[in-house]
C-alpha cells in the first residue's frame, strides 16, 4: 500500500497500522485534485490525481466526525 500511495519507506518507519476511511459523498466536502501546496507531499508527488504508485487520489476539506 505504501508503494501504491507513493510513500517513501523512510517516511513511514515505525508506523505499523494504516486505515481506510470511507467518506460518504466526498463531493460535498470540496472534492479536488491534490496540489504541491499541501503538507505531506514528497519528491514523488505528481499533480494529476494519481499517486506515484498508481493509486487514484483526491483531497477533501475536513469532514465532521460522526459516530
Protein backbone atom coordinates (compact mmCIF):
# COMPACT_ATOMS: atom_id res chain seq x y z
CA UNK A 1 0.00 0.00 0.00
CA UNK A 2 2.81 2.43 0.85
CA UNK A 3 4.35 1.94 -2.58
CA UNK A 4 0.99 2.44 -4.30
CA UNK A 5 0.47 5.70 -2.44
CA UNK A 6 3.99 6.94 -3.19
CA UNK A 7 5.07 6.96 0.45
CA UNK A 8 8.81 6.64 0.91
CA UNK A 9 9.91 3.90 3.32
CA UNK A 10 11.82 6.43 5.44
CA UNK A 11 8.60 8.43 5.91
CA UNK A 12 6.70 5.51 7.43
CA UNK A 13 9.26 3.97 9.77
CA UNK A 14 7.83 2.53 12.96
CA UNK A 15 4.24 3.04 11.86
CA UNK A 16 2.59 -0.36 11.62
CA UNK A 17 -1.06 0.37 11.08
CA UNK A 18 -2.86 2.08 8.27
CA UNK A 19 -6.53 2.86 7.95
CA UNK A 20 -9.01 3.35 5.17
CA UNK A 21 -11.64 5.95 5.87
CA UNK A 22 -14.74 5.92 3.69
CA UNK A 23 -16.28 9.36 3.29
CA UNK A 24 -19.91 9.34 2.17
CA UNK A 25 -20.42 11.93 -0.57
CA UNK A 26 -16.84 13.27 -0.77
CA UNK A 27 -18.06 15.77 -3.36
CA UNK A 28 -19.90 17.53 -0.51
CA UNK A 29 -16.50 18.38 1.04
CA UNK A 30 -14.69 20.31 -1.73
CA UNK A 31 -13.51 17.19 -3.59
CA UNK A 32 -10.44 18.17 -5.67
CA UNK A 33 -7.10 17.07 -7.08
CA UNK A 34 -4.15 17.44 -4.71
CA UNK A 35 -1.56 20.15 -5.28
CA UNK A 36 2.02 20.53 -4.13
CA UNK A 37 0.84 23.28 -1.75
CA UNK A 38 -0.49 20.60 0.61
CA UNK A 39 1.53 19.40 3.56
CA UNK A 40 2.75 15.84 3.31
CA UNK A 41 3.83 15.81 -0.32
CA UNK A 42 7.25 14.38 -1.14
CA UNK A 43 9.67 14.15 -4.07
CA UNK A 44 7.38 11.59 -5.74
CA UNK A 45 4.38 13.96 -5.90
CA UNK A 46 2.61 14.08 -9.28
CA UNK A 47 -0.16 16.73 -9.59
CA UNK A 48 -2.57 14.66 -11.70
CA UNK A 49 -4.78 12.89 -9.16
CA UNK A 50 -2.76 9.69 -9.22
CA UNK A 51 -0.16 8.82 -6.60
CA UNK A 52 3.28 7.92 -7.95
CA UNK A 53 2.47 4.27 -7.24
CA UNK A 54 -0.61 4.40 -9.47
CA UNK A 55 -3.42 4.73 -6.91
CA UNK A 56 -6.02 7.42 -7.66
CA UNK A 57 -6.17 10.17 -5.06
CA UNK A 58 -8.14 13.29 -4.25
CA UNK A 59 -8.29 15.58 -1.24
CA UNK A 60 -11.30 16.93 0.60
CA UNK A 61 -11.85 19.57 3.26
CA UNK A 62 -12.11 18.44 6.86
CA UNK A 63 -15.06 16.09 7.32
CA UNK A 64 -17.05 16.29 10.58
CA UNK A 65 -16.72 13.26 12.85
CA UNK A 66 -19.98 11.34 13.09
CA UNK A 67 -20.44 8.39 15.45
